């Protein structure tokens, strides 16, 4: 049987009236269920709209910021500080996790993120 005949037979099996579909349809949410959100404080809210398929895994507080880590990105939203007192300067940073080369904890209160 030629490849074209096998393809057409499988298409008939999947979408024709001869029987149930031969393929099992699996959604990504079933294979990779979202992790439970870990919050440093119960009053914290996720500071950004989540993308399709994105799940926030950690939500914490710093002196002048809220830090959120999802399965896709690191998001830091600054409070009233020097970074957002200028016109046109965003008060948040969003870095996709695949762009992060390494993370160092320099002091107890300093986090150094090195990007690719």
PDB file of N, CA and C in Angstrom:
ATOM      1  N   UNK A   1       0.857  -1.184   0.000  1.00  0.00           N
ATOM      2  CA  UNK A   1       0.000   0.000   0.000  1.00  0.00           C
ATOM      3  C   UNK A   1       0.895   1.237   0.000  1.00  0.00           C
ATOM      4  N   UNK A   2       0.584   2.163  -0.863  1.00  0.00           N
ATOM      5  CA  UNK A   2       1.399   3.367  -0.984  1.00  0.00           C
ATOM      6  C   UNK A   2       1.133   4.313   0.173  1.00  0.00           C
ATOM      7  N   UNK A   3       2.050   5.262   0.340  1.00  0.00           N
ATOM      8  CA  UNK A   3       1.924   6.248   1.410  1.00  0.00           C
ATOM      9  C   UNK A   3       0.659   7.073   1.237  1.00  0.00           C
ATOM     10  N   UNK A   4       0.337   7.462   0.010  1.00  0.00           N
ATOM     11  CA  UNK A   4      -0.868   8.254  -0.249  1.00  0.00           C
ATOM     12  C   UNK A   4      -2.119   7.470   0.144  1.00  0.00           C
ATOM     13  N   UNK A   5      -2.130   6.176  -0.126  1.00  0.00           N
ATOM     14  CA  UNK A   5      -3.287   5.347   0.237  1.00  0.00           C
ATOM     15  C   UNK A   5      -3.406   5.234   1.743  1.00  0.00           C
ATOM     16  N   UNK A   6      -2.256   5.076   2.436  1.00  0.00           N
ATOM     17  CA  UNK A   6      -2.296   4.989   3.901  1.00  0.00           C
ATOM     18  C   UNK A   6      -2.774   6.299   4.511  1.00  0.00           C
ATOM     19  N   UNK A   7      -2.318   7.431   3.974  1.00  0.00           N
ATOM     20  CA  UNK A   7      -2.734   8.725   4.489  1.00  0.00           C
ATOM     21  C   UNK A   7      -4.224   8.912   4.289  1.00  0.00           C
ATOM     22  N   UNK A   8      -4.719   8.588   3.096  1.00  0.00           N
ATOM     23  CA  UNK A   8      -6.150   8.772   2.848  1.00  0.00           C
ATOM     24  C   UNK A   8      -6.976   7.825   3.714  1.00  0.00           C
ATOM     25  N   UNK A   9      -6.491   6.600   3.958  1.00  0.00           N
ATOM     26  CA  UNK A   9      -7.214   5.674   4.827  1.00  0.00           C
ATOM     27  C   UNK A   9      -7.264   6.201   6.251  1.00  0.00           C
ATOM     28  N   UNK A  10      -6.132   6.726   6.737  1.00  0.00           N
ATOM     29  CA  UNK A  10      -6.131   7.233   8.101  1.00  0.00           C
ATOM     30  C   UNK A  10      -7.005   8.481   8.209  1.00  0.00           C
ATOM     31  N   UNK A  11      -7.072   9.292   7.142  1.00  0.00           N
ATOM     32  CA  UNK A  11      -7.934  10.467   7.166  1.00  0.00           C
ATOM     33  C   UNK A  11      -9.400  10.035   7.196  1.00  0.00           C
ATOM     34  N   UNK A  12      -9.739   8.990   6.444  1.00  0.00           N
ATOM     35  CA  UNK A  12     -11.114   8.495   6.483  1.00  0.00           C
ATOM     36  C   UNK A  12     -11.444   7.951   7.863  1.00  0.00           C
ATOM     37  N   UNK A  13     -10.486   7.262   8.452  1.00  0.00           N
ATOM     38  CA  UNK A  13     -10.696   6.721   9.786  1.00  0.00           C
ATOM     39  C   UNK A  13     -10.892   7.842  10.800  1.00  0.00           C
ATOM     40  N   UNK A  14     -10.138   8.917  10.646  1.00  0.00           N
ATOM     41  CA  UNK A  14     -10.210  10.019  11.604  1.00  0.00           C
ATOM     42  C   UNK A  14     -11.450  10.865  11.411  1.00  0.00           C
ATOM     43  N   UNK A  15     -11.811  11.151  10.176  1.00  0.00           N
ATOM     44  CA  UNK A  15     -12.860  12.122   9.935  1.00  0.00           C
ATOM     45  C   UNK A  15     -14.049  11.551   9.171  1.00  0.00           C
ATOM     46  N   UNK A  16     -13.968  10.313   8.730  1.00  0.00           N
ATOM     47  CA  UNK A  16     -15.073   9.709   7.992  1.00  0.00           C
ATOM     48  C   UNK A  16     -16.136   9.160   8.918  1.00  0.00           C
ATOM     49  N   UNK A  17     -17.109   8.503   8.331  1.00  0.00           N
ATOM     50  CA  UNK A  17     -18.209   7.967   9.118  1.00  0.00           C
ATOM     51  C   UNK A  17     -18.014   6.492   9.399  1.00  0.00           C
ATOM     52  N   UNK A  18     -16.850   5.921   9.125  1.00  0.00           N
ATOM     53  CA  UNK A  18     -16.644   4.487   9.269  1.00  0.00           C
ATOM     54  C   UNK A  18     -16.349   4.067  10.695  1.00  0.00           C
ATOM     55  N   UNK A  19     -16.086   4.966  11.597  1.00  0.00           N
ATOM     56  CA  UNK A  19     -15.796   4.583  12.974  1.00  0.00           C
ATOM     57  C   UNK A  19     -15.251   5.747  13.759  1.00  0.00           C
ATOM     58  N   UNK A  20     -14.887   5.486  15.009  1.00  0.00           N
ATOM     59  CA  UNK A  20     -14.342   6.559  15.846  1.00  0.00           C
ATOM     60  C   UNK A  20     -12.954   6.980  15.358  1.00  0.00           C
ATOM     61  N   UNK A  21     -12.516   8.160  15.716  1.00  0.00           N
ATOM     62  CA  UNK A  21     -11.181   8.620  15.296  1.00  0.00           C
ATOM     63  C   UNK A  21     -10.096   7.668  15.787  1.00  0.00           C
ATOM     64  N   UNK A  22      -9.097   7.486  14.972  1.00  0.00           N
ATOM     65  CA  UNK A  22      -8.014   6.574  15.343  1.00  0.00           C
ATOM     66  C   UNK A  22      -6.945   7.279  16.169  1.00  0.00           C
ATOM     67  N   UNK A  23      -6.979   8.599  16.225  1.00  0.00           N
ATOM     68  CA  UNK A  23      -6.002   9.347  16.999  1.00  0.00           C
ATOM     69  C   UNK A  23      -6.638   9.806  18.298  1.00  0.00           C
ATOM     70  N   UNK A  24      -5.837   9.855  19.356  1.00  0.00           N
ATOM     71  CA  UNK A  24      -6.314  10.378  20.626  1.00  0.00           C
ATOM     72  C   UNK A  24      -5.862  11.823  20.729  1.00  0.00           C
ATOM     73  N   UNK A  25      -6.787  12.703  21.028  1.00  0.00           N
ATOM     74  CA  UNK A  25      -6.466  14.115  21.119  1.00  0.00           C
ATOM     75  C   UNK A  25      -6.110  14.449  22.555  1.00  0.00           C
ATOM     76  N   UNK A  26      -4.918  14.954  22.748  1.00  0.00           N
ATOM     77  CA  UNK A  26      -4.419  15.288  24.080  1.00  0.00           C
ATOM     78  C   UNK A  26      -4.128  16.776  24.104  1.00  0.00           C
ATOM     79  N   UNK A  27      -4.591  17.439  25.151  1.00  0.00           N
ATOM     80  CA  UNK A  27      -4.311  18.854  25.295  1.00  0.00           C
ATOM     81  C   UNK A  27      -3.088  19.031  26.179  1.00  0.00           C
ATOM     82  N   UNK A  28      -2.360  20.114  25.945  1.00  0.00           N
ATOM     83  CA  UNK A  28      -1.139  20.389  26.711  1.00  0.00           C
ATOM     84  C   UNK A  28      -1.441  20.566  28.192  1.00  0.00           C
ATOM     85  N   UNK A  29      -2.598  21.130  28.527  1.00  0.00           N
ATOM     86  CA  UNK A  29      -2.933  21.338  29.933  1.00  0.00           C
ATOM     87  C   UNK A  29      -3.085  20.020  30.680  1.00  0.00           C
ATOM     88  N   UNK A  30      -3.404  18.925  29.955  1.00  0.00           N
ATOM     89  CA  UNK A  30      -3.493  17.616  30.590  1.00  0.00           C
ATOM     90  C   UNK A  30      -2.115  17.010  30.821  1.00  0.00           C
ATOM     91  N   UNK A  31      -1.193  17.259  29.894  1.00  0.00           N
ATOM     92  CA  UNK A  31       0.162  16.726  30.029  1.00  0.00           C
ATOM     93  C   UNK A  31       0.991  17.516  31.031  1.00  0.00           C
ATOM     94  N   UNK A  32       0.809  18.825  31.056  1.00  0.00           N
ATOM     95  CA  UNK A  32       1.580  19.701  31.929  1.00  0.00           C
ATOM     96  C   UNK A  32       0.630  20.531  32.790  1.00  0.00           C
ATOM     97  N   UNK A  33       0.094  19.950  33.854  1.00  0.00           N
ATOM     98  CA  UNK A  33      -0.839  20.721  34.691  1.00  0.00           C
ATOM     99  C   UNK A  33      -0.114  21.876  35.379  1.00  0.00           C
ATOM    100  N   UNK A  34      -0.809  22.987  35.602  1.00  0.00           N
ATOM    101  CA  UNK A  34      -0.150  24.140  36.234  1.00  0.00           C
ATOM    102  C   UNK A  34       0.248  23.839  37.668  1.00  0.00           C
ATOM    103  N   UNK A  35       1.382  24.401  38.072  1.00  0.00           N
ATOM    104  CA  UNK A  35       1.860  24.223  39.443  1.00  0.00           C
ATOM    105  C   UNK A  35       1.086  25.139  40.374  1.00  0.00           C
ATOM    106  N   UNK A  36       1.049  24.784  41.625  1.00  0.00           N
ATOM    107  CA  UNK A  36       0.347  25.593  42.612  1.00  0.00           C
ATOM    108  C   UNK A  36       1.131  26.872  42.884  1.00  0.00           C
ATOM    109  N   UNK A  37       0.427  27.981  42.975  1.00  0.00           N
ATOM    110  CA  UNK A  37       1.044  29.278  43.221  1.00  0.00           C
ATOM    111  C   UNK A  37       1.529  29.366  44.663  1.00  0.00           C
ATOM    112  N   UNK A  38       2.798  29.733  44.820  1.00  0.00           N
ATOM    113  CA  UNK A  38       3.390  29.947  46.143  1.00  0.00           C
ATOM    114  C   UNK A  38       3.466  31.451  46.357  1.00  0.00           C
ATOM    115  N   UNK A  39       2.755  31.943  47.384  1.00  0.00           N
ATOM    116  CA  UNK A  39       2.741  33.376  47.678  1.00  0.00           C
ATOM    117  C   UNK A  39       3.495  33.634  48.969  1.00  0.00           C
ATOM    118  N   UNK A  40       4.295  34.674  48.956  1.00  0.00           N
ATOM    119  CA  UNK A  40       4.995  35.103  50.159  1.00  0.00           C
ATOM    120  C   UNK A  40       4.014  35.736  51.147  1.00  0.00           C
ATOM    121  N   UNK A  41       2.997  36.395  50.599  1.00  0.00           N
ATOM    122  CA  UNK A  41       1.989  37.075  51.402  1.00  0.00           C
ATOM    123  C   UNK A  41       0.638  36.869  50.717  1.00  0.00           C
ATOM    124  N   UNK A  42      -0.403  36.512  51.468  1.00  0.00           N
ATOM    125  CA  UNK A  42      -1.706  36.234  50.868  1.00  0.00           C
ATOM    126  C   UNK A  42      -2.355  37.451  50.230  1.00  0.00           C
ATOM    127  N   UNK A  43      -1.929  38.650  50.605  1.00  0.00           N
ATOM    128  CA  UNK A  43      -2.530  39.860  50.032  1.00  0.00           C
ATOM    129  C   UNK A  43      -1.955  40.230  48.661  1.00  0.00           C
ATOM    130  N   UNK A  44      -0.899  39.560  48.234  1.00  0.00           N
ATOM    131  CA  UNK A  44      -0.271  39.880  46.936  1.00  0.00           C
ATOM    132  C   UNK A  44      -1.143  39.423  45.777  1.00  0.00           C
ATOM    133  N   UNK A  45      -1.158  40.217  44.719  1.00  0.00           N
ATOM    134  CA  UNK A  45      -1.867  39.894  43.485  1.00  0.00           C
ATOM    135  C   UNK A  45      -0.870  39.847  42.339  1.00  0.00           C
ATOM    136  N   UNK A  46      -1.132  39.015  41.348  1.00  0.00           N
ATOM    137  CA  UNK A  46      -0.259  38.911  40.180  1.00  0.00           C
ATOM    138  C   UNK A  46      -0.263  40.262  39.463  1.00  0.00           C
ATOM    139  N   UNK A  47       0.926  40.878  39.262  1.00  0.00           N
ATOM    140  CA  UNK A  47       0.995  42.257  38.749  1.00  0.00           C
ATOM    141  C   UNK A  47       0.942  42.402  37.233  1.00  0.00           C
ATOM    142  N   UNK A  48       0.608  41.349  36.515  1.00  0.00           N
ATOM    143  CA  UNK A  48       0.578  41.432  35.053  1.00  0.00           C
ATOM    144  C   UNK A  48      -0.474  40.462  34.523  1.00  0.00           C
ATOM    145  N   UNK A  49      -0.991  40.732  33.324  1.00  0.00           N
ATOM    146  CA  UNK A  49      -1.921  39.776  32.720  1.00  0.00           C
ATOM    147  C   UNK A  49      -1.142  38.573  32.186  1.00  0.00           C
ATOM    148  N   UNK A  50      -1.584  37.391  32.547  1.00  0.00           N
ATOM    149  CA  UNK A  50      -0.884  36.170  32.122  1.00  0.00           C
ATOM    150  C   UNK A  50      -1.158  35.887  30.648  1.00  0.00           C
ATOM    151  N   UNK A  51      -0.152  35.374  29.965  1.00  0.00           N
ATOM    152  CA  UNK A  51      -0.294  34.986  28.572  1.00  0.00           C
ATOM    153  C   UNK A  51      -0.991  33.626  28.491  1.00  0.00           C
ATOM    154  N   UNK A  52      -1.456  33.257  27.314  1.00  0.00           N
ATOM    155  CA  UNK A  52      -2.101  31.964  27.121  1.00  0.00           C
ATOM    156  C   UNK A  52      -1.115  30.853  27.462  1.00  0.00           C
ATOM    157  N   UNK A  53      -1.482  29.980  28.353  1.00  0.00           N
ATOM    158  CA  UNK A  53      -0.624  28.870  28.765  1.00  0.00           C
ATOM    159  C   UNK A  53       0.367  29.219  29.856  1.00  0.00           C
ATOM    160  N   UNK A  54       0.393  30.460  30.283  1.00  0.00           N
ATOM    161  CA  UNK A  54       1.336  30.886  31.321  1.00  0.00           C
ATOM    162  C   UNK A  54       0.701  30.695  32.693  1.00  0.00           C
ATOM    163  N   UNK A  55       1.477  30.169  33.622  1.00  0.00           N
ATOM    164  CA  UNK A  55       1.015  29.992  34.985  1.00  0.00           C
ATOM    165  C   UNK A  55       2.025  30.560  35.959  1.00  0.00           C
ATOM    166  N   UNK A  56       1.584  31.431  36.843  1.00  0.00           N
ATOM    167  CA  UNK A  56       2.487  32.033  37.831  1.00  0.00           C
ATOM    168  C   UNK A  56       2.769  30.995  38.912  1.00  0.00           C
ATOM    169  N   UNK A  57       4.066  30.807  39.232  1.00  0.00           N
ATOM    170  CA  UNK A  57       4.473  29.792  40.194  1.00  0.00           C
ATOM    171  C   UNK A  57       4.912  30.390  41.529  1.00  0.00           C
ATOM    172  N   UNK A  58       5.471  31.609  41.522  1.00  0.00           N
ATOM    173  CA  UNK A  58       5.926  32.256  42.749  1.00  0.00           C
ATOM    174  C   UNK A  58       5.585  33.727  42.705  1.00  0.00           C
ATOM    175  N   UNK A  59       5.150  34.242  43.847  1.00  0.00           N
ATOM    176  CA  UNK A  59       4.819  35.655  43.968  1.00  0.00           C
ATOM    177  C   UNK A  59       5.390  36.141  45.287  1.00  0.00           C
ATOM    178  N   UNK A  60       6.318  37.107  45.204  1.00  0.00           N
ATOM    179  CA  UNK A  60       6.978  37.595  46.400  1.00  0.00           C
ATOM    180  C   UNK A  60       7.104  39.102  46.404  1.00  0.00           C
ATOM    181  N   UNK A  61       7.589  39.604  47.531  1.00  0.00           N
ATOM    182  CA  UNK A  61       7.702  41.042  47.730  1.00  0.00           C
ATOM    183  C   UNK A  61       9.157  41.388  48.047  1.00  0.00           C
ATOM    184  N   UNK A  62       9.618  42.494  47.462  1.00  0.00           N
ATOM    185  CA  UNK A  62      10.916  43.075  47.800  1.00  0.00           C
ATOM    186  C   UNK A  62      10.645  44.438  48.422  1.00  0.00           C
ATOM    187  N   UNK A  63      11.698  45.166  48.775  1.00  0.00           N
ATOM    188  CA  UNK A  63      11.500  46.482  49.396  1.00  0.00           C
ATOM    189  C   UNK A  63      10.670  47.409  48.528  1.00  0.00           C
ATOM    190  N   UNK A  64      11.015  47.509  47.252  1.00  0.00           N
ATOM    191  CA  UNK A  64      10.353  48.452  46.355  1.00  0.00           C
ATOM    192  C   UNK A  64       9.704  47.775  45.161  1.00  0.00           C
ATOM    193  N   UNK A  65       9.413  46.462  45.247  1.00  0.00           N
ATOM    194  CA  UNK A  65       8.900  45.767  44.072  1.00  0.00           C
ATOM    195  C   UNK A  65       8.115  44.519  44.460  1.00  0.00           C
ATOM    196  N   UNK A  66       7.366  44.044  43.484  1.00  0.00           N
ATOM    197  CA  UNK A  66       6.711  42.745  43.575  1.00  0.00           C
ATOM    198  C   UNK A  66       7.363  41.873  42.509  1.00  0.00           C
ATOM    199  N   UNK A  67       7.766  40.665  42.893  1.00  0.00           N
ATOM    200  CA  UNK A  67       8.465  39.759  41.984  1.00  0.00           C
ATOM    201  C   UNK A  67       7.572  38.553  41.722  1.00  0.00           C
ATOM    202  N   UNK A  68       7.359  38.243  40.451  1.00  0.00           N
ATOM    203  CA  UNK A  68       6.558  37.089  40.056  1.00  0.00           C
ATOM    204  C   UNK A  68       7.371  36.242  39.082  1.00  0.00           C
ATOM    205  N   UNK A  69       7.347  34.936  39.298  1.00  0.00           N
ATOM    206  CA  UNK A  69       8.012  34.004  38.387  1.00  0.00           C
ATOM    207  C   UNK A  69       6.946  33.066  37.850  1.00  0.00           C
ATOM    208  N   UNK A  70       6.853  33.017  36.523  1.00  0.00           N
ATOM    209  CA  UNK A  70       5.905  32.108  35.892  1.00  0.00           C
ATOM    210  C   UNK A  70       6.681  31.023  35.155  1.00  0.00           C
ATOM    211  N   UNK A  71       5.958  30.153  34.477  1.00  0.00           N
ATOM    212  CA  UNK A  71       6.634  29.138  33.689  1.00  0.00           C
ATOM    213  C   UNK A  71       7.226  29.714  32.409  1.00  0.00           C
ATOM    214  N   UNK A  72       7.030  31.019  32.191  1.00  0.00           N
ATOM    215  CA  UNK A  72       7.528  31.657  30.976  1.00  0.00           C
ATOM    216  C   UNK A  72       8.484  32.812  31.232  1.00  0.00           C
ATOM    217  N   UNK A  73       8.257  33.589  32.301  1.00  0.00           N
ATOM    218  CA  UNK A  73       9.054  34.806  32.472  1.00  0.00           C
ATOM    219  C   UNK A  73       9.221  35.195  33.932  1.00  0.00           C
ATOM    220  N   UNK A  74      10.207  36.059  34.144  1.00  0.00           N
ATOM    221  CA  UNK A  74      10.433  36.715  35.430  1.00  0.00           C
ATOM    222  C   UNK A  74       9.867  38.118  35.275  1.00  0.00           C
ATOM    223  N   UNK A  75       8.988  38.501  36.194  1.00  0.00           N
ATOM    224  CA  UNK A  75       8.337  39.807  36.098  1.00  0.00           C
ATOM    225  C   UNK A  75       8.575  40.559  37.396  1.00  0.00           C
ATOM    226  N   UNK A  76       9.072  41.795  37.277  1.00  0.00           N
ATOM    227  CA  UNK A  76       9.311  42.649  38.443  1.00  0.00           C
ATOM    228  C   UNK A  76       8.538  43.942  38.226  1.00  0.00           C
ATOM    229  N   UNK A  77       7.642  44.242  39.140  1.00  0.00           N
ATOM    230  CA  UNK A  77       6.869  45.489  39.079  1.00  0.00           C
ATOM    231  C   UNK A  77       7.310  46.356  40.239  1.00  0.00           C
ATOM    232  N   UNK A  78       7.863  47.527  39.901  1.00  0.00           N
ATOM    233  CA  UNK A  78       8.397  48.434  40.904  1.00  0.00           C
ATOM    234  C   UNK A  78       7.297  49.294  41.507  1.00  0.00           C
ATOM    235  N   UNK A  79       7.430  49.583  42.782  1.00  0.00           N
ATOM    236  CA  UNK A  79       6.536  50.516  43.457  1.00  0.00           C
ATOM    237  C   UNK A  79       7.059  51.923  43.218  1.00  0.00           C
ATOM    238  N   UNK A  80       6.585  52.875  43.968  1.00  0.00           N
ATOM    239  CA  UNK A  80       7.061  54.244  43.821  1.00  0.00           C
ATOM    240  C   UNK A  80       8.526  54.319  44.206  1.00  0.00           C
ATOM    241  N   UNK A  81       9.354  54.384  43.206  1.00  0.00           N
ATOM    242  CA  UNK A  81      10.795  54.477  43.433  1.00  0.00           C
ATOM    243  C   UNK A  81      11.397  55.328  42.334  1.00  0.00           C
ATOM    244  N   UNK A  82      12.678  55.405  42.288  1.00  0.00           N
ATOM    245  CA  UNK A  82      13.353  56.269  41.315  1.00  0.00           C
ATOM    246  C   UNK A  82      13.141  55.799  39.885  1.00  0.00           C
ATOM    247  N   UNK A  83      12.889  54.521  39.684  1.00  0.00           N
ATOM    248  CA  UNK A  83      12.771  54.014  38.310  1.00  0.00           C
ATOM    249  C   UNK A  83      11.505  54.495  37.613  1.00  0.00           C
ATOM    250  N   UNK A  84      10.441  54.770  38.358  1.00  0.00           N
ATOM    251  CA  UNK A  84       9.215  55.174  37.684  1.00  0.00           C
ATOM    252  C   UNK A  84       8.800  56.608  37.979  1.00  0.00           C
ATOM    253  N   UNK A  85       9.720  57.426  38.372  1.00  0.00           N
ATOM    254  CA  UNK A  85       9.391  58.835  38.593  1.00  0.00           C
ATOM    255  C   UNK A  85       9.559  59.672  37.329  1.00  0.00           C
ATOM    256  N   UNK A  86      10.180  59.108  36.305  1.00  0.00           N
ATOM    257  CA  UNK A  86      10.386  59.830  35.057  1.00  0.00           C
ATOM    258  C   UNK A  86       9.256  59.524  34.078  1.00  0.00           C
ATOM    259  N   UNK A  87       8.853  60.520  33.296  1.00  0.00           N
ATOM    260  CA  UNK A  87       7.817  60.328  32.298  1.00  0.00           C
ATOM    261  C   UNK A  87       8.300  59.374  31.207  1.00  0.00           C
ATOM    262  N   UNK A  88       7.448  58.449  30.817  1.00  0.00           N
ATOM    263  CA  UNK A  88       7.774  57.526  29.734  1.00  0.00           C
ATOM    264  C   UNK A  88       8.589  56.322  30.147  1.00  0.00           C
ATOM    265  N   UNK A  89       8.947  56.191  31.419  1.00  0.00           N
ATOM    266  CA  UNK A  89       9.716  55.039  31.889  1.00  0.00           C
ATOM    267  C   UNK A  89       8.745  54.050  32.523  1.00  0.00           C
ATOM    268  N   UNK A  90       8.781  52.823  32.052  1.00  0.00           N
ATOM    269  CA  UNK A  90       7.902  51.793  32.604  1.00  0.00           C
ATOM    270  C   UNK A  90       8.316  51.458  34.020  1.00  0.00           C
ATOM    271  N   UNK A  91       7.347  51.046  34.813  1.00  0.00           N
ATOM    272  CA  UNK A  91       7.655  50.666  36.185  1.00  0.00           C
ATOM    273  C   UNK A  91       7.679  49.155  36.348  1.00  0.00           C
ATOM    274  N   UNK A  92       7.924  48.443  35.245  1.00  0.00           N
ATOM    275  CA  UNK A  92       8.033  46.989  35.344  1.00  0.00           C
ATOM    276  C   UNK A  92       9.061  46.454  34.349  1.00  0.00           C
ATOM    277  N   UNK A  93       9.570  45.291  34.680  1.00  0.00           N
ATOM    278  CA  UNK A  93      10.519  44.584  33.820  1.00  0.00           C
ATOM    279  C   UNK A  93       9.985  43.173  33.639  1.00  0.00           C
ATOM    280  N   UNK A  94       9.993  42.679  32.422  1.00  0.00           N
ATOM    281  CA  UNK A  94       9.539  41.330  32.128  1.00  0.00           C
ATOM    282  C   UNK A  94      10.607  40.653  31.274  1.00  0.00           C
ATOM    283  N   UNK A  95      11.203  39.584  31.793  1.00  0.00           N
ATOM    284  CA  UNK A  95      12.297  38.901  31.098  1.00  0.00           C
ATOM    285  C   UNK A  95      11.904  37.440  30.870  1.00  0.00           C
ATOM    286  N   UNK A  96      11.834  36.993  29.618  1.00  0.00           N
ATOM    287  CA  UNK A  96      11.579  35.574  29.371  1.00  0.00           C
ATOM    288  C   UNK A  96      12.678  34.713  30.003  1.00  0.00           C
ATOM    289  N   UNK A  97      12.287  33.599  30.595  1.00  0.00           N
ATOM    290  CA  UNK A  97      13.245  32.757  31.311  1.00  0.00           C
ATOM    291  C   UNK A  97      14.350  32.222  30.407  1.00  0.00           C
ATOM    292  N   UNK A  98      14.051  32.004  29.150  1.00  0.00           N
ATOM    293  CA  UNK A  98      15.066  31.464  28.240  1.00  0.00           C
ATOM    294  C   UNK A  98      16.149  32.474  27.895  1.00  0.00           C
ATOM    295  N   UNK A  99      15.927  33.746  28.229  1.00  0.00           N
ATOM    296  CA  UNK A  99      16.952  34.765  27.999  1.00  0.00           C
ATOM    297  C   UNK A  99      17.897  34.917  29.186  1.00  0.00           C
ATOM    298  N   UNK A 100      17.593  34.289  30.304  1.00  0.00           N
ATOM    299  CA  UNK A 100      18.418  34.434  31.499  1.00  0.00           C
ATOM    300  C   UNK A 100      19.559  33.431  31.446  1.00  0.00           C
ATOM    301  N   UNK A 101      20.772  33.948  31.496  1.00  0.00           N
ATOM    302  CA  UNK A 101      21.981  33.106  31.483  1.00  0.00           C
ATOM    303  C   UNK A 101      22.256  32.544  32.873  1.00  0.00           C
ATOM    304  N   UNK A 102      22.271  33.433  33.873  1.00  0.00           N
ATOM    305  CA  UNK A 102      22.524  32.993  35.251  1.00  0.00           C
ATOM    306  C   UNK A 102      21.971  34.025  36.229  1.00  0.00           C
ATOM    307  N   UNK A 103      21.809  33.586  37.456  1.00  0.00           N
ATOM    308  CA  UNK A 103      21.317  34.452  38.527  1.00  0.00           C
ATOM    309  C   UNK A 103      22.253  34.290  39.711  1.00  0.00           C
ATOM    310  N   UNK A 104      22.692  35.409  40.256  1.00  0.00           N
ATOM    311  CA  UNK A 104      23.589  35.395  41.413  1.00  0.00           C
ATOM    312  C   UNK A 104      22.952  36.159  42.561  1.00  0.00           C
ATOM    313  N   UNK A 105      23.108  35.644  43.741  1.00  0.00           N
ATOM    314  CA  UNK A 105      22.690  36.368  44.936  1.00  0.00           C
ATOM    315  C   UNK A 105      23.954  36.972  45.528  1.00  0.00           C
ATOM    316  N   UNK A 106      24.156  38.252  45.302  1.00  0.00           N
ATOM    317  CA  UNK A 106      25.399  38.902  45.721  1.00  0.00           C
ATOM    318  C   UNK A 106      25.435  39.143  47.223  1.00  0.00           C
ATOM    319  N   UNK A 107      24.407  39.702  47.743  1.00  0.00           N
ATOM    320  CA  UNK A 107      24.242  39.905  49.171  1.00  0.00           C
ATOM    321  C   UNK A 107      22.885  39.320  49.518  1.00  0.00           C
ATOM    322  N   UNK A 108      22.526  39.451  50.758  1.00  0.00           N
ATOM    323  CA  UNK A 108      21.223  38.940  51.149  1.00  0.00           C
ATOM    324  C   UNK A 108      20.090  39.707  50.471  1.00  0.00           C
ATOM    325  N   UNK A 109      20.355  40.939  50.064  1.00  0.00           N
ATOM    326  CA  UNK A 109      19.311  41.785  49.505  1.00  0.00           C
ATOM    327  C   UNK A 109      19.570  42.196  48.065  1.00  0.00           C
ATOM    328  N   UNK A 110      20.482  41.535  47.379  1.00  0.00           N
ATOM    329  CA  UNK A 110      20.810  41.925  46.012  1.00  0.00           C
ATOM    330  C   UNK A 110      20.798  40.699  45.111  1.00  0.00           C
ATOM    331  N   UNK A 111      20.067  40.812  44.013  1.00  0.00           N
ATOM    332  CA  UNK A 111      19.954  39.751  43.038  1.00  0.00           C
ATOM    333  C   UNK A 111      20.524  40.265  41.717  1.00  0.00           C
ATOM    334  N   UNK A 112      21.478  39.534  41.151  1.00  0.00           N
ATOM    335  CA  UNK A 112      22.128  39.949  39.904  1.00  0.00           C
ATOM    336  C   UNK A 112      21.717  38.963  38.826  1.00  0.00           C
ATOM    337  N   UNK A 113      20.986  39.455  37.810  1.00  0.00           N
ATOM    338  CA  UNK A 113      20.481  38.608  36.731  1.00  0.00           C
ATOM    339  C   UNK A 113      21.303  38.907  35.479  1.00  0.00           C
ATOM    340  N   UNK A 114      21.936  37.878  34.914  1.00  0.00           N
ATOM    341  CA  UNK A 114      22.757  38.025  33.722  1.00  0.00           C
ATOM    342  C   UNK A 114      21.983  37.394  32.556  1.00  0.00           C
ATOM    343  N   UNK A 115      21.745  38.186  31.509  1.00  0.00           N
ATOM    344  CA  UNK A 115      20.997  37.710  30.344  1.00  0.00           C
ATOM    345  C   UNK A 115      21.941  37.305  29.212  1.00  0.00           C
ATOM    346  N   UNK A 116      21.458  36.508  28.307  1.00  0.00           N
ATOM    347  CA  UNK A 116      22.247  36.041  27.165  1.00  0.00           C
ATOM    348  C   UNK A 116      22.479  37.172  26.190  1.00  0.00           C
TER     349      UNK A 116
END
